Structure formats: structure tokens, C-alpha cells
């Protein structure tokens, strides 16, 4: 696992209070209790801090799953 992938995963684990085995293609916004609107903004803030990027509002809105988030972060130059 790359260092950036570990940072990405750690943000999800810490902010959404989930276990590593919960990180998969099925993890989507509102699929778990902690990924509500408040959790979503906390996750975005954490990822922006960790990767030193600033996501555009459209990307924040479209960031609806673990998998989609990987593609979004790649758009900002984060290599996984």
C-alpha cells in the first residue's frame, strides 16, 4: 500500500470511526451512521489537510463514496 493510500484510508477510519475492513466499494455517503453531512465535511477537511489541497465545491458534492473519493483526489495530484 502506498503512503498516500494509507493516509487516505486513515482519514476515513479516524473521521468516520470505522474499521479498516469497512473500506471497500460499498462504502458510500449515508451508508453508515457516521457518514452524514457533518461527517462528510469533517472527512473533506481532513483530506484537504492531509494532502494540502482545496477541493472545489462540485468535487465535495460528488465525493459520494470511498471509490469516487480516490478518483477525486487523483484529480488534485494525489497519486495512489
PDB file of N, CA and C in Angstrom:
ATOM      1  N   UNK A   1       0.852  -1.179   0.000  1.00  0.00           N
ATOM      2  CA  UNK A   1       0.000   0.000   0.000  1.00  0.00           C
ATOM      3  C   UNK A   1       0.892   1.235   0.000  1.00  0.00           C
ATOM      4  N   UNK A   2       0.552   2.194  -0.856  1.00  0.00           N
ATOM      5  CA  UNK A   2       1.333   3.428  -0.928  1.00  0.00           C
ATOM      6  C   UNK A   2       1.097   4.276   0.324  1.00  0.00           C
ATOM      7  N   UNK A   3       2.019   5.175   0.564  1.00  0.00           N
ATOM      8  CA  UNK A   3       1.884   6.066   1.712  1.00  0.00           C
ATOM      9  C   UNK A   3       0.623   6.931   1.587  1.00  0.00           C
ATOM     10  N   UNK A   4       0.341   7.407   0.372  1.00  0.00           N
ATOM     11  CA  UNK A   4      -0.853   8.230   0.178  1.00  0.00           C
ATOM     12  C   UNK A   4      -2.131   7.429   0.383  1.00  0.00           C
ATOM     13  N   UNK A   5      -2.122   6.178  -0.027  1.00  0.00           N
ATOM     14  CA  UNK A   5      -3.317   5.340   0.178  1.00  0.00           C
ATOM     15  C   UNK A   5      -3.539   5.108   1.669  1.00  0.00           C
ATOM     16  N   UNK A   6      -2.459   4.926   2.407  1.00  0.00           N
ATOM     17  CA  UNK A   6      -2.572   4.742   3.851  1.00  0.00           C
ATOM     18  C   UNK A   6      -3.141   6.009   4.500  1.00  0.00           C
ATOM     19  N   UNK A   7      -2.667   7.181   4.074  1.00  0.00           N
ATOM     20  CA  UNK A   7      -3.177   8.448   4.613  1.00  0.00           C
ATOM     21  C   UNK A   7      -4.666   8.603   4.291  1.00  0.00           C
ATOM     22  N   UNK A   8      -5.037   8.251   3.069  1.00  0.00           N
ATOM     23  CA  UNK A   8      -6.438   8.331   2.638  1.00  0.00           C
ATOM     24  C   UNK A   8      -7.291   7.409   3.503  1.00  0.00           C
ATOM     25  N   UNK A   9      -6.866   6.167   3.622  1.00  0.00           N
ATOM     26  CA  UNK A   9      -7.603   5.199   4.432  1.00  0.00           C
ATOM     27  C   UNK A   9      -7.684   5.637   5.889  1.00  0.00           C
ATOM     28  N   UNK A  10      -6.565   6.125   6.431  1.00  0.00           N
ATOM     29  CA  UNK A  10      -6.550   6.561   7.826  1.00  0.00           C
ATOM     30  C   UNK A  10      -7.532   7.702   8.081  1.00  0.00           C
ATOM     31  N   UNK A  11      -7.703   8.595   7.102  1.00  0.00           N
ATOM     32  CA  UNK A  11      -8.665   9.688   7.259  1.00  0.00           C
ATOM     33  C   UNK A  11     -10.080   9.132   7.399  1.00  0.00           C
ATOM     34  N   UNK A  12     -10.428   8.167   6.560  1.00  0.00           N
ATOM     35  CA  UNK A  12     -11.749   7.544   6.651  1.00  0.00           C
ATOM     36  C   UNK A  12     -11.933   6.846   7.999  1.00  0.00           C
ATOM     37  N   UNK A  13     -10.929   6.082   8.399  1.00  0.00           N
ATOM     38  CA  UNK A  13     -11.004   5.312   9.641  1.00  0.00           C
ATOM     39  C   UNK A  13     -11.173   6.235  10.844  1.00  0.00           C
ATOM     40  N   UNK A  14     -10.368   7.293  10.876  1.00  0.00           N
ATOM     41  CA  UNK A  14     -10.401   8.206  12.013  1.00  0.00           C
ATOM     42  C   UNK A  14     -11.672   9.046  12.046  1.00  0.00           C
ATOM     43  N   UNK A  15     -11.987   9.689  10.943  1.00  0.00           N
ATOM     44  CA  UNK A  15     -13.124  10.620  10.918  1.00  0.00           C
ATOM     45  C   UNK A  15     -14.457   9.888  11.022  1.00  0.00           C
ATOM     46  N   UNK A  16     -14.598   8.800  10.290  1.00  0.00           N
ATOM     47  CA  UNK A  16     -15.873   8.081  10.275  1.00  0.00           C
ATOM     48  C   UNK A  16     -15.963   6.997  11.344  1.00  0.00           C
ATOM     49  N   UNK A  17     -14.870   6.827  12.103  1.00  0.00           N
ATOM     50  CA  UNK A  17     -14.832   5.863  13.207  1.00  0.00           C
ATOM     51  C   UNK A  17     -15.233   4.465  12.746  1.00  0.00           C
ATOM     52  N   UNK A  18     -14.520   3.984  11.732  1.00  0.00           N
ATOM     53  CA  UNK A  18     -14.791   2.654  11.185  1.00  0.00           C
ATOM     54  C   UNK A  18     -13.539   1.796  11.256  1.00  0.00           C
ATOM     55  N   UNK A  19     -13.701   0.525  10.979  1.00  0.00           N
ATOM     56  CA  UNK A  19     -12.596  -0.426  10.969  1.00  0.00           C
ATOM     57  C   UNK A  19     -12.001  -0.500   9.561  1.00  0.00           C
ATOM     58  N   UNK A  20     -10.718  -0.824   9.456  1.00  0.00           N
ATOM     59  CA  UNK A  20     -10.081  -0.919   8.130  1.00  0.00           C
ATOM     60  C   UNK A  20     -10.811  -1.852   7.166  1.00  0.00           C
ATOM     61  N   UNK A  21     -11.383  -2.917   7.674  1.00  0.00           N
ATOM     62  CA  UNK A  21     -12.081  -3.865   6.800  1.00  0.00           C
ATOM     63  C   UNK A  21     -13.382  -3.291   6.214  1.00  0.00           C
ATOM     64  N   UNK A  22     -13.821  -2.144   6.744  1.00  0.00           N
ATOM     65  CA  UNK A  22     -15.024  -1.494   6.219  1.00  0.00           C
ATOM     66  C   UNK A  22     -14.750  -0.620   4.997  1.00  0.00           C
ATOM     67  N   UNK A  23     -13.474  -0.442   4.653  1.00  0.00           N
ATOM     68  CA  UNK A  23     -13.106   0.356   3.487  1.00  0.00           C
ATOM     69  C   UNK A  23     -13.219  -0.503   2.243  1.00  0.00           C
ATOM     70  N   UNK A  24     -14.274  -0.266   1.462  1.00  0.00           N
ATOM     71  CA  UNK A  24     -14.491  -1.054   0.246  1.00  0.00           C
ATOM     72  C   UNK A  24     -15.404  -0.300  -0.706  1.00  0.00           C
ATOM     73  N   UNK A  25     -15.688  -0.916  -1.818  1.00  0.00           N
ATOM     74  CA  UNK A  25     -16.506  -0.302  -2.870  1.00  0.00           C
ATOM     75  C   UNK A  25     -17.925   0.041  -2.395  1.00  0.00           C
ATOM     76  N   UNK A  26     -18.388  -0.603  -1.349  1.00  0.00           N
ATOM     77  CA  UNK A  26     -19.755  -0.378  -0.876  1.00  0.00           C
ATOM     78  C   UNK A  26     -19.876   0.785   0.107  1.00  0.00           C
ATOM     79  N   UNK A  27     -18.737   1.330   0.540  1.00  0.00           N
ATOM     80  CA  UNK A  27     -18.766   2.433   1.493  1.00  0.00           C
ATOM     81  C   UNK A  27     -19.143   3.718   0.761  1.00  0.00           C
ATOM     82  N   UNK A  28     -20.333   4.211   1.049  1.00  0.00           N
ATOM     83  CA  UNK A  28     -20.865   5.400   0.387  1.00  0.00           C
ATOM     84  C   UNK A  28     -21.456   6.347   1.412  1.00  0.00           C
ATOM     85  N   UNK A  29     -21.598   7.588   0.986  1.00  0.00           N
ATOM     86  CA  UNK A  29     -22.245   8.607   1.812  1.00  0.00           C
ATOM     87  C   UNK A  29     -23.604   8.086   2.284  1.00  0.00           C
ATOM     88  N   UNK A  30     -23.875   8.235   3.540  1.00  0.00           N
ATOM     89  CA  UNK A  30     -25.114   7.805   4.191  1.00  0.00           C
ATOM     90  C   UNK A  30     -25.276   6.293   4.320  1.00  0.00           C
ATOM     91  N   UNK A  31     -24.259   5.522   3.917  1.00  0.00           N
ATOM     92  CA  UNK A  31     -24.364   4.068   4.072  1.00  0.00           C
ATOM     93  C   UNK A  31     -24.049   3.638   5.507  1.00  0.00           C
ATOM     94  N   UNK A  32     -23.412   4.539   6.249  1.00  0.00           N
ATOM     95  CA  UNK A  32     -23.156   4.307   7.671  1.00  0.00           C
ATOM     96  C   UNK A  32     -23.561   5.559   8.435  1.00  0.00           C
ATOM     97  N   UNK A  33     -23.852   5.397   9.689  1.00  0.00           N
ATOM     98  CA  UNK A  33     -24.370   6.498  10.500  1.00  0.00           C
ATOM     99  C   UNK A  33     -23.409   7.680  10.586  1.00  0.00           C
ATOM    100  N   UNK A  34     -22.117   7.412  10.679  1.00  0.00           N
ATOM    101  CA  UNK A  34     -21.153   8.496  10.867  1.00  0.00           C
ATOM    102  C   UNK A  34     -20.852   9.282   9.587  1.00  0.00           C
ATOM    103  N   UNK A  35     -21.247   8.735   8.412  1.00  0.00           N
ATOM    104  CA  UNK A  35     -21.016   9.485   7.172  1.00  0.00           C
ATOM    105  C   UNK A  35     -22.293  10.216   6.779  1.00  0.00           C
ATOM    106  N   UNK A  36     -22.643  11.163   7.637  1.00  0.00           N
ATOM    107  CA  UNK A  36     -23.767  12.058   7.364  1.00  0.00           C
ATOM    108  C   UNK A  36     -23.178  13.376   6.872  1.00  0.00           C
ATOM    109  N   UNK A  37     -23.962  14.439   6.827  1.00  0.00           N
ATOM    110  CA  UNK A  37     -23.458  15.711   6.293  1.00  0.00           C
ATOM    111  C   UNK A  37     -22.312  16.273   7.139  1.00  0.00           C
ATOM    112  N   UNK A  38     -22.402  16.132   8.448  1.00  0.00           N
ATOM    113  CA  UNK A  38     -21.337  16.621   9.321  1.00  0.00           C
ATOM    114  C   UNK A  38     -20.083  15.774   9.146  1.00  0.00           C
ATOM    115  N   UNK A  39     -20.252  14.466   9.119  1.00  0.00           N
ATOM    116  CA  UNK A  39     -19.122  13.563   8.904  1.00  0.00           C
ATOM    117  C   UNK A  39     -18.479  13.793   7.549  1.00  0.00           C
ATOM    118  N   UNK A  40     -19.299  14.102   6.561  1.00  0.00           N
ATOM    119  CA  UNK A  40     -18.785  14.350   5.210  1.00  0.00           C
ATOM    120  C   UNK A  40     -17.860  15.569   5.203  1.00  0.00           C
ATOM    121  N   UNK A  41     -18.301  16.643   5.824  1.00  0.00           N
ATOM    122  CA  UNK A  41     -17.476  17.848   5.841  1.00  0.00           C
ATOM    123  C   UNK A  41     -16.212  17.638   6.679  1.00  0.00           C
ATOM    124  N   UNK A  42     -16.309  16.871   7.753  1.00  0.00           N
ATOM    125  CA  UNK A  42     -15.121  16.568   8.559  1.00  0.00           C
ATOM    126  C   UNK A  42     -14.134  15.728   7.752  1.00  0.00           C
ATOM    127  N   UNK A  43     -14.653  14.782   6.977  1.00  0.00           N
ATOM    128  CA  UNK A  43     -13.795  13.950   6.129  1.00  0.00           C
ATOM    129  C   UNK A  43     -13.105  14.791   5.065  1.00  0.00           C
ATOM    130  N   UNK A  44     -13.852  15.664   4.416  1.00  0.00           N
ATOM    131  CA  UNK A  44     -13.275  16.533   3.392  1.00  0.00           C
ATOM    132  C   UNK A  44     -12.197  17.420   4.009  1.00  0.00           C
ATOM    133  N   UNK A  45     -12.467  17.995   5.160  1.00  0.00           N
ATOM    134  CA  UNK A  45     -11.489  18.861   5.831  1.00  0.00           C
ATOM    135  C   UNK A  45     -10.222  18.087   6.172  1.00  0.00           C
ATOM    136  N   UNK A  46     -10.381  16.879   6.646  1.00  0.00           N
ATOM    137  CA  UNK A  46      -9.221  16.045   6.993  1.00  0.00           C
ATOM    138  C   UNK A  46      -8.394  15.727   5.748  1.00  0.00           C
ATOM    139  N   UNK A  47      -9.054  15.343   4.672  1.00  0.00           N
ATOM    140  CA  UNK A  47      -8.333  15.021   3.435  1.00  0.00           C
ATOM    141  C   UNK A  47      -7.638  16.254   2.862  1.00  0.00           C
ATOM    142  N   UNK A  48      -8.293  17.400   2.937  1.00  0.00           N
ATOM    143  CA  UNK A  48      -7.659  18.631   2.461  1.00  0.00           C
ATOM    144  C   UNK A  48      -6.420  18.950   3.285  1.00  0.00           C
ATOM    145  N   UNK A  49      -6.492  18.756   4.588  1.00  0.00           N
ATOM    146  CA  UNK A  49      -5.334  18.997   5.454  1.00  0.00           C
ATOM    147  C   UNK A  49      -4.202  18.014   5.173  1.00  0.00           C
ATOM    148  N   UNK A  50      -4.546  16.750   5.113  1.00  0.00           N
ATOM    149  CA  UNK A  50      -3.538  15.706   4.934  1.00  0.00           C
ATOM    150  C   UNK A  50      -2.795  15.852   3.607  1.00  0.00           C
ATOM    151  N   UNK A  51      -3.550  16.158   2.554  1.00  0.00           N
ATOM    152  CA  UNK A  51      -2.944  16.214   1.222  1.00  0.00           C
ATOM    153  C   UNK A  51      -2.657  17.639   0.746  1.00  0.00           C
ATOM    154  N   UNK A  52      -2.928  18.615   1.621  1.00  0.00           N
ATOM    155  CA  UNK A  52      -2.638  20.017   1.313  1.00  0.00           C
ATOM    156  C   UNK A  52      -3.246  20.445  -0.024  1.00  0.00           C
ATOM    157  N   UNK A  53      -4.541  20.184  -0.157  1.00  0.00           N
ATOM    158  CA  UNK A  53      -5.310  20.571  -1.333  1.00  0.00           C
ATOM    159  C   UNK A  53      -6.570  21.298  -0.876  1.00  0.00           C
ATOM    160  N   UNK A  54      -7.228  21.935  -1.807  1.00  0.00           N
ATOM    161  CA  UNK A  54      -8.502  22.585  -1.538  1.00  0.00           C
ATOM    162  C   UNK A  54      -9.487  22.134  -2.620  1.00  0.00           C
ATOM    163  N   UNK A  55     -10.447  21.325  -2.226  1.00  0.00           N
ATOM    164  CA  UNK A  55     -11.403  20.779  -3.185  1.00  0.00           C
ATOM    165  C   UNK A  55     -12.435  21.818  -3.582  1.00  0.00           C
ATOM    166  N   UNK A  56     -12.782  21.822  -4.858  1.00  0.00           N
ATOM    167  CA  UNK A  56     -13.845  22.684  -5.343  1.00  0.00           C
ATOM    168  C   UNK A  56     -15.182  22.135  -4.846  1.00  0.00           C
ATOM    169  N   UNK A  57     -16.159  23.014  -4.709  1.00  0.00           N
ATOM    170  CA  UNK A  57     -17.463  22.616  -4.160  1.00  0.00           C
ATOM    171  C   UNK A  57     -18.090  21.472  -4.942  1.00  0.00           C
ATOM    172  N   UNK A  58     -17.983  21.484  -6.269  1.00  0.00           N
ATOM    173  CA  UNK A  58     -18.548  20.396  -7.073  1.00  0.00           C
ATOM    174  C   UNK A  58     -17.922  19.059  -6.702  1.00  0.00           C
ATOM    175  N   UNK A  59     -16.627  19.060  -6.420  1.00  0.00           N
ATOM    176  CA  UNK A  59     -15.951  17.824  -6.041  1.00  0.00           C
ATOM    177  C   UNK A  59     -16.347  17.376  -4.644  1.00  0.00           C
ATOM    178  N   UNK A  60     -16.587  18.329  -3.758  1.00  0.00           N
ATOM    179  CA  UNK A  60     -17.057  17.996  -2.405  1.00  0.00           C
ATOM    180  C   UNK A  60     -18.418  17.314  -2.500  1.00  0.00           C
ATOM    181  N   UNK A  61     -19.277  17.847  -3.337  1.00  0.00           N
ATOM    182  CA  UNK A  61     -20.621  17.290  -3.502  1.00  0.00           C
ATOM    183  C   UNK A  61     -20.567  15.916  -4.162  1.00  0.00           C
ATOM    184  N   UNK A  62     -19.706  15.754  -5.162  1.00  0.00           N
ATOM    185  CA  UNK A  62     -19.605  14.487  -5.898  1.00  0.00           C
ATOM    186  C   UNK A  62     -18.863  13.400  -5.127  1.00  0.00           C
ATOM    187  N   UNK A  63     -18.177  13.760  -4.045  1.00  0.00           N
ATOM    188  CA  UNK A  63     -17.386  12.826  -3.247  1.00  0.00           C
ATOM    189  C   UNK A  63     -18.347  11.946  -2.445  1.00  0.00           C
ATOM    190  N   UNK A  64     -18.978  11.009  -3.142  1.00  0.00           N
ATOM    191  CA  UNK A  64     -20.055  10.248  -2.522  1.00  0.00           C
ATOM    192  C   UNK A  64     -19.725   8.830  -2.124  1.00  0.00           C
ATOM    193  N   UNK A  65     -18.484   8.413  -2.358  1.00  0.00           N
ATOM    194  CA  UNK A  65     -18.109   7.055  -1.961  1.00  0.00           C
ATOM    195  C   UNK A  65     -16.600   6.976  -1.768  1.00  0.00           C
ATOM    196  N   UNK A  66     -16.187   5.923  -1.116  1.00  0.00           N
ATOM    197  CA  UNK A  66     -14.760   5.671  -0.910  1.00  0.00           C
ATOM    198  C   UNK A  66     -14.051   5.610  -2.260  1.00  0.00           C
ATOM    199  N   UNK A  67     -14.615   4.898  -3.206  1.00  0.00           N
ATOM    200  CA  UNK A  67     -14.017   4.722  -4.523  1.00  0.00           C
ATOM    201  C   UNK A  67     -13.988   6.035  -5.305  1.00  0.00           C
ATOM    202  N   UNK A  68     -15.083   6.759  -5.331  1.00  0.00           N
ATOM    203  CA  UNK A  68     -15.137   8.038  -6.038  1.00  0.00           C
ATOM    204  C   UNK A  68     -14.127   9.023  -5.453  1.00  0.00           C
ATOM    205  N   UNK A  69     -13.962   8.965  -4.158  1.00  0.00           N
ATOM    206  CA  UNK A  69     -13.000   9.843  -3.498  1.00  0.00           C
ATOM    207  C   UNK A  69     -11.578   9.643  -3.986  1.00  0.00           C
ATOM    208  N   UNK A  70     -11.217   8.397  -4.275  1.00  0.00           N
ATOM    209  CA  UNK A  70      -9.876   8.127  -4.809  1.00  0.00           C
ATOM    210  C   UNK A  70      -9.678   8.866  -6.129  1.00  0.00           C
ATOM    211  N   UNK A  71     -10.658   8.782  -6.988  1.00  0.00           N
ATOM    212  CA  UNK A  71     -10.580   9.458  -8.293  1.00  0.00           C
ATOM    213  C   UNK A  71     -10.554  10.979  -8.121  1.00  0.00           C
ATOM    214  N   UNK A  72     -11.321  11.469  -7.175  1.00  0.00           N
ATOM    215  CA  UNK A  72     -11.336  12.910  -6.922  1.00  0.00           C
ATOM    216  C   UNK A  72      -9.972  13.380  -6.445  1.00  0.00           C
ATOM    217  N   UNK A  73      -9.372  12.661  -5.521  1.00  0.00           N
ATOM    218  CA  UNK A  73      -8.073  13.063  -5.001  1.00  0.00           C
ATOM    219  C   UNK A  73      -7.000  12.998  -6.086  1.00  0.00           C
ATOM    220  N   UNK A  74      -7.099  12.022  -6.978  1.00  0.00           N
ATOM    221  CA  UNK A  74      -6.152  11.929  -8.087  1.00  0.00           C
ATOM    222  C   UNK A  74      -6.239  13.179  -8.967  1.00  0.00           C
ATOM    223  N   UNK A  75      -7.439  13.713  -9.112  1.00  0.00           N
ATOM    224  CA  UNK A  75      -7.652  14.933  -9.896  1.00  0.00           C
ATOM    225  C   UNK A  75      -6.817  16.099  -9.323  1.00  0.00           C
ATOM    226  N   UNK A  76      -6.552  16.062  -8.028  1.00  0.00           N
ATOM    227  CA  UNK A  76      -5.790  17.101  -7.351  1.00  0.00           C
ATOM    228  C   UNK A  76      -4.307  16.731  -7.204  1.00  0.00           C
ATOM    229  N   UNK A  77      -3.887  15.733  -7.948  1.00  0.00           N
ATOM    230  CA  UNK A  77      -2.467  15.383  -7.982  1.00  0.00           C
ATOM    231  C   UNK A  77      -2.014  14.384  -6.941  1.00  0.00           C
ATOM    232  N   UNK A  78      -2.947  13.778  -6.232  1.00  0.00           N
ATOM    233  CA  UNK A  78      -2.583  12.779  -5.226  1.00  0.00           C
ATOM    234  C   UNK A  78      -2.486  11.425  -5.925  1.00  0.00           C
ATOM    235  N   UNK A  79      -1.303  10.843  -5.915  1.00  0.00           N
ATOM    236  CA  UNK A  79      -1.076   9.545  -6.564  1.00  0.00           C
ATOM    237  C   UNK A  79      -1.270   8.416  -5.568  1.00  0.00           C
ATOM    238  N   UNK A  80      -2.024   7.433  -6.003  1.00  0.00           N
ATOM    239  CA  UNK A  80      -2.227   6.257  -5.159  1.00  0.00           C
ATOM    240  C   UNK A  80      -1.546   5.069  -5.800  1.00  0.00           C
TER     241      UNK A  80
END
